[in-house]
């Protein structure tokens, strides 16, 4: 999880964010969209993105 994700989770922005994970590089990230359609990994650019499992 990146620094911006951590800050957003701690302080919140008032907007709903959804957690996703890249199947290629395993990077976990947050987006404001609820579906994986047209999402790419911000780290490696792969389109193999899936919803992150709840902890």
PDB file of N, CA and C in Angstrom:
ATOM      1  N   UNK A   1       0.850  -1.164   0.000  1.00  0.00           N
ATOM      2  CA  UNK A   1       0.000   0.000   0.000  1.00  0.00           C
ATOM      3  C   UNK A   1       0.898   1.230   0.000  1.00  0.00           C
ATOM      4  N   UNK A   2       0.548   2.203  -0.819  1.00  0.00           N
ATOM      5  CA  UNK A   2       1.348   3.402  -0.942  1.00  0.00           C
ATOM      6  C   UNK A   2       1.056   4.414   0.148  1.00  0.00           C
ATOM      7  N   UNK A   3       1.896   5.415   0.219  1.00  0.00           N
ATOM      8  CA  UNK A   3       1.762   6.470   1.229  1.00  0.00           C
ATOM      9  C   UNK A   3       0.442   7.208   1.069  1.00  0.00           C
ATOM     10  N   UNK A   4       0.068   7.523  -0.160  1.00  0.00           N
ATOM     11  CA  UNK A   4      -1.188   8.247  -0.376  1.00  0.00           C
ATOM     12  C   UNK A   4      -2.386   7.420   0.054  1.00  0.00           C
ATOM     13  N   UNK A   5      -2.352   6.114  -0.206  1.00  0.00           N
ATOM     14  CA  UNK A   5      -3.428   5.237   0.244  1.00  0.00           C
ATOM     15  C   UNK A   5      -3.525   5.250   1.764  1.00  0.00           C
ATOM     16  N   UNK A   6      -2.388   5.197   2.428  1.00  0.00           N
ATOM     17  CA  UNK A   6      -2.357   5.187   3.894  1.00  0.00           C
ATOM     18  C   UNK A   6      -2.927   6.484   4.456  1.00  0.00           C
ATOM     19  N   UNK A   7      -2.514   7.609   3.908  1.00  0.00           N
ATOM     20  CA  UNK A   7      -3.010   8.910   4.366  1.00  0.00           C
ATOM     21  C   UNK A   7      -4.505   9.016   4.123  1.00  0.00           C
ATOM     22  N   UNK A   8      -4.969   8.571   2.965  1.00  0.00           N
ATOM     23  CA  UNK A   8      -6.397   8.620   2.656  1.00  0.00           C
ATOM     24  C   UNK A   8      -7.204   7.781   3.632  1.00  0.00           C
ATOM     25  N   UNK A   9      -6.679   6.604   3.980  1.00  0.00           N
ATOM     26  CA  UNK A   9      -7.387   5.750   4.915  1.00  0.00           C
ATOM     27  C   UNK A   9      -7.414   6.354   6.319  1.00  0.00           C
ATOM     28  N   UNK A  10      -6.319   6.969   6.723  1.00  0.00           N
ATOM     29  CA  UNK A  10      -6.248   7.546   8.067  1.00  0.00           C
ATOM     30  C   UNK A  10      -7.131   8.771   8.232  1.00  0.00           C
ATOM     31  N   UNK A  11      -7.109   9.660   7.262  1.00  0.00           N
ATOM     32  CA  UNK A  11      -7.807  10.928   7.390  1.00  0.00           C
ATOM     33  C   UNK A  11      -9.107  10.990   6.615  1.00  0.00           C
ATOM     34  N   UNK A  12      -9.281  10.086   5.666  1.00  0.00           N
ATOM     35  CA  UNK A  12     -10.505  10.041   4.882  1.00  0.00           C
ATOM     36  C   UNK A  12     -10.666  11.262   4.004  1.00  0.00           C
ATOM     37  N   UNK A  13     -11.381  11.092   2.937  1.00  0.00           N
ATOM     38  CA  UNK A  13     -11.633  12.207   2.036  1.00  0.00           C
ATOM     39  C   UNK A  13     -13.127  12.442   1.877  1.00  0.00           C
ATOM     40  N   UNK A  14     -13.944  11.632   2.567  1.00  0.00           N
ATOM     41  CA  UNK A  14     -15.383  11.764   2.440  1.00  0.00           C
ATOM     42  C   UNK A  14     -15.937  10.977   1.274  1.00  0.00           C
ATOM     43  N   UNK A  15     -15.093  10.574   0.341  1.00  0.00           N
ATOM     44  CA  UNK A  15     -15.525   9.792  -0.807  1.00  0.00           C
ATOM     45  C   UNK A  15     -15.319   8.310  -0.522  1.00  0.00           C
ATOM     46  N   UNK A  16     -16.194   7.480  -1.085  1.00  0.00           N
ATOM     47  CA  UNK A  16     -16.062   6.037  -0.947  1.00  0.00           C
ATOM     48  C   UNK A  16     -14.938   5.546  -1.861  1.00  0.00           C
ATOM     49  N   UNK A  17     -14.039   4.755  -1.316  1.00  0.00           N
ATOM     50  CA  UNK A  17     -12.967   4.154  -2.100  1.00  0.00           C
ATOM     51  C   UNK A  17     -13.083   2.646  -2.013  1.00  0.00           C
ATOM     52  N   UNK A  18     -12.730   1.972  -3.085  1.00  0.00           N
ATOM     53  CA  UNK A  18     -12.765   0.528  -3.154  1.00  0.00           C
ATOM     54  C   UNK A  18     -11.344   0.025  -3.327  1.00  0.00           C
ATOM     55  N   UNK A  19     -11.011  -1.099  -2.683  1.00  0.00           N
ATOM     56  CA  UNK A  19      -9.662  -1.663  -2.716  1.00  0.00           C
ATOM     57  C   UNK A  19      -9.565  -2.684  -3.837  1.00  0.00           C
ATOM     58  N   UNK A  20      -8.456  -2.608  -4.573  1.00  0.00           N
ATOM     59  CA  UNK A  20      -8.180  -3.540  -5.658  1.00  0.00           C
ATOM     60  C   UNK A  20      -6.760  -4.065  -5.527  1.00  0.00           C
ATOM     61  N   UNK A  21      -6.493  -5.217  -6.159  1.00  0.00           N
ATOM     62  CA  UNK A  21      -5.157  -5.809  -6.160  1.00  0.00           C
ATOM     63  C   UNK A  21      -4.827  -6.250  -7.585  1.00  0.00           C
ATOM     64  N   UNK A  22      -3.590  -5.980  -7.990  1.00  0.00           N
ATOM     65  CA  UNK A  22      -3.106  -6.394  -9.302  1.00  0.00           C
ATOM     66  C   UNK A  22      -2.714  -7.867  -9.239  1.00  0.00           C
ATOM     67  N   UNK A  23      -3.205  -8.661 -10.173  1.00  0.00           N
ATOM     68  CA  UNK A  23      -2.884 -10.083 -10.214  1.00  0.00           C
ATOM     69  C   UNK A  23      -1.452 -10.316 -10.690  1.00  0.00           C
ATOM     70  N   UNK A  24      -0.870  -9.350 -11.391  1.00  0.00           N
ATOM     71  CA  UNK A  24       0.488  -9.510 -11.913  1.00  0.00           C
ATOM     72  C   UNK A  24       1.560  -9.165 -10.885  1.00  0.00           C
ATOM     73  N   UNK A  25       1.472  -7.987 -10.260  1.00  0.00           N
ATOM     74  CA  UNK A  25       2.531  -7.549  -9.348  1.00  0.00           C
ATOM     75  C   UNK A  25       2.092  -7.515  -7.883  1.00  0.00           C
ATOM     76  N   UNK A  26       0.817  -7.847  -7.614  1.00  0.00           N
ATOM     77  CA  UNK A  26       0.262  -7.899  -6.255  1.00  0.00           C
ATOM     78  C   UNK A  26       0.167  -6.544  -5.559  1.00  0.00           C
ATOM     79  N   UNK A  27       0.274  -5.444  -6.294  1.00  0.00           N
ATOM     80  CA  UNK A  27       0.101  -4.120  -5.707  1.00  0.00           C
ATOM     81  C   UNK A  27      -1.353  -3.943  -5.318  1.00  0.00           C
ATOM     82  N   UNK A  28      -1.588  -3.439  -4.111  1.00  0.00           N
ATOM     83  CA  UNK A  28      -2.937  -3.138  -3.662  1.00  0.00           C
ATOM     84  C   UNK A  28      -3.124  -1.624  -3.700  1.00  0.00           C
ATOM     85  N   UNK A  29      -4.284  -1.192  -4.201  1.00  0.00           N
ATOM     86  CA  UNK A  29      -4.534   0.241  -4.338  1.00  0.00           C
ATOM     87  C   UNK A  29      -6.022   0.531  -4.192  1.00  0.00           C
ATOM     88  N   UNK A  30      -6.356   1.802  -4.003  1.00  0.00           N
ATOM     89  CA  UNK A  30      -7.747   2.225  -3.837  1.00  0.00           C
ATOM     90  C   UNK A  30      -8.174   3.083  -5.021  1.00  0.00           C
ATOM     91  N   UNK A  31      -9.432   2.926  -5.406  1.00  0.00           N
ATOM     92  CA  UNK A  31     -10.021   3.726  -6.472  1.00  0.00           C
ATOM     93  C   UNK A  31     -11.435   4.103  -6.056  1.00  0.00           C
ATOM     94  N   UNK A  32     -11.985   5.109  -6.674  1.00  0.00           N
ATOM     95  CA  UNK A  32     -13.345   5.546  -6.365  1.00  0.00           C
ATOM     96  C   UNK A  32     -14.396   4.743  -7.114  1.00  0.00           C
ATOM     97  N   UNK A  33     -13.994   3.929  -8.049  1.00  0.00           N
ATOM     98  CA  UNK A  33     -14.941   3.115  -8.810  1.00  0.00           C
ATOM     99  C   UNK A  33     -15.114   1.761  -8.142  1.00  0.00           C
ATOM    100  N   UNK A  34     -16.287   1.149  -8.324  1.00  0.00           N
ATOM    101  CA  UNK A  34     -16.583  -0.123  -7.663  1.00  0.00           C
ATOM    102  C   UNK A  34     -16.311  -1.330  -8.552  1.00  0.00           C
ATOM    103  N   UNK A  35     -16.046  -1.119  -9.842  1.00  0.00           N
ATOM    104  CA  UNK A  35     -15.823  -2.244 -10.747  1.00  0.00           C
ATOM    105  C   UNK A  35     -14.421  -2.198 -11.333  1.00  0.00           C
ATOM    106  N   UNK A  36     -13.952  -3.338 -11.817  1.00  0.00           N
ATOM    107  CA  UNK A  36     -12.608  -3.421 -12.377  1.00  0.00           C
ATOM    108  C   UNK A  36     -12.573  -3.062 -13.861  1.00  0.00           C
ATOM    109  N   UNK A  37     -13.727  -2.815 -14.447  1.00  0.00           N
ATOM    110  CA  UNK A  37     -13.784  -2.473 -15.867  1.00  0.00           C
ATOM    111  C   UNK A  37     -12.936  -1.238 -16.150  1.00  0.00           C
ATOM    112  N   UNK A  38     -12.026  -1.354 -17.092  1.00  0.00           N
ATOM    113  CA  UNK A  38     -11.139  -0.271 -17.531  1.00  0.00           C
ATOM    114  C   UNK A  38     -10.102   0.155 -16.494  1.00  0.00           C
ATOM    115  N   UNK A  39      -9.928  -0.598 -15.402  1.00  0.00           N
ATOM    116  CA  UNK A  39      -8.894  -0.273 -14.421  1.00  0.00           C
ATOM    117  C   UNK A  39      -7.573  -0.909 -14.820  1.00  0.00           C
ATOM    118  N   UNK A  40      -6.494  -0.188 -14.579  1.00  0.00           N
ATOM    119  CA  UNK A  40      -5.155  -0.740 -14.751  1.00  0.00           C
ATOM    120  C   UNK A  40      -4.371  -0.490 -13.469  1.00  0.00           C
ATOM    121  N   UNK A  41      -3.389  -1.317 -13.241  1.00  0.00           N
ATOM    122  CA  UNK A  41      -2.560  -1.188 -12.055  1.00  0.00           C
ATOM    123  C   UNK A  41      -1.729   0.090 -12.138  1.00  0.00           C
ATOM    124  N   UNK A  42      -1.738   0.909 -11.090  1.00  0.00           N
ATOM    125  CA  UNK A  42      -0.946   2.137 -11.116  1.00  0.00           C
ATOM    126  C   UNK A  42       0.560   1.872 -11.033  1.00  0.00           C
ATOM    127  N   UNK A  43       0.940   0.676 -10.598  1.00  0.00           N
ATOM    128  CA  UNK A  43       2.355   0.339 -10.445  1.00  0.00           C
ATOM    129  C   UNK A  43       2.953  -0.218 -11.736  1.00  0.00           C
ATOM    130  N   UNK A  44       2.291  -1.227 -12.329  1.00  0.00           N
ATOM    131  CA  UNK A  44       2.881  -1.905 -13.490  1.00  0.00           C
ATOM    132  C   UNK A  44       2.084  -1.712 -14.779  1.00  0.00           C
ATOM    133  N   UNK A  45       0.871  -1.152 -14.681  1.00  0.00           N
ATOM    134  CA  UNK A  45       0.064  -0.876 -15.858  1.00  0.00           C
ATOM    135  C   UNK A  45      -0.736  -2.057 -16.376  1.00  0.00           C
ATOM    136  N   UNK A  46      -0.677  -3.191 -15.698  1.00  0.00           N
ATOM    137  CA  UNK A  46      -1.408  -4.382 -16.139  1.00  0.00           C
ATOM    138  C   UNK A  46      -2.911  -4.187 -15.964  1.00  0.00           C
ATOM    139  N   UNK A  47      -3.660  -4.872 -16.786  1.00  0.00           N
ATOM    140  CA  UNK A  47      -5.114  -4.819 -16.691  1.00  0.00           C
ATOM    141  C   UNK A  47      -5.682  -5.957 -15.870  1.00  0.00           C
ATOM    142  N   UNK A  48      -4.830  -6.773 -15.273  1.00  0.00           N
ATOM    143  CA  UNK A  48      -5.257  -7.924 -14.479  1.00  0.00           C
ATOM    144  C   UNK A  48      -5.547  -7.490 -13.047  1.00  0.00           C
ATOM    145  N   UNK A  49      -6.591  -6.685 -12.878  1.00  0.00           N
ATOM    146  CA  UNK A  49      -6.936  -6.111 -11.580  1.00  0.00           C
ATOM    147  C   UNK A  49      -8.194  -6.808 -11.056  1.00  0.00           C
ATOM    148  N   UNK A  50      -8.199  -7.101  -9.763  1.00  0.00           N
ATOM    149  CA  UNK A  50      -9.366  -7.729  -9.143  1.00  0.00           C
ATOM    150  C   UNK A  50      -9.637  -7.047  -7.807  1.00  0.00           C
ATOM    151  N   UNK A  51     -10.866  -7.156  -7.296  1.00  0.00           N
ATOM    152  CA  UNK A  51     -11.148  -6.585  -5.978  1.00  0.00           C
ATOM    153  C   UNK A  51     -10.252  -7.228  -4.926  1.00  0.00           C
ATOM    154  N   UNK A  52      -9.760  -6.432  -4.011  1.00  0.00           N
ATOM    155  CA  UNK A  52      -8.922  -6.953  -2.916  1.00  0.00           C
ATOM    156  C   UNK A  52      -9.842  -7.639  -1.919  1.00  0.00           C
ATOM    157  N   UNK A  53      -9.344  -8.710  -1.339  1.00  0.00           N
ATOM    158  CA  UNK A  53     -10.139  -9.426  -0.339  1.00  0.00           C
ATOM    159  C   UNK A  53     -10.129  -8.636   0.960  1.00  0.00           C
ATOM    160  N   UNK A  54     -11.245  -8.636   1.627  1.00  0.00           N
ATOM    161  CA  UNK A  54     -11.366  -7.931   2.900  1.00  0.00           C
ATOM    162  C   UNK A  54     -10.475  -8.609   3.935  1.00  0.00           C
ATOM    163  N   UNK A  55      -9.857  -7.795   4.764  1.00  0.00           N
ATOM    164  CA  UNK A  55      -8.962  -8.345   5.791  1.00  0.00           C
ATOM    165  C   UNK A  55      -9.740  -8.820   6.989  1.00  0.00           C
TER     166      UNK A  55
END
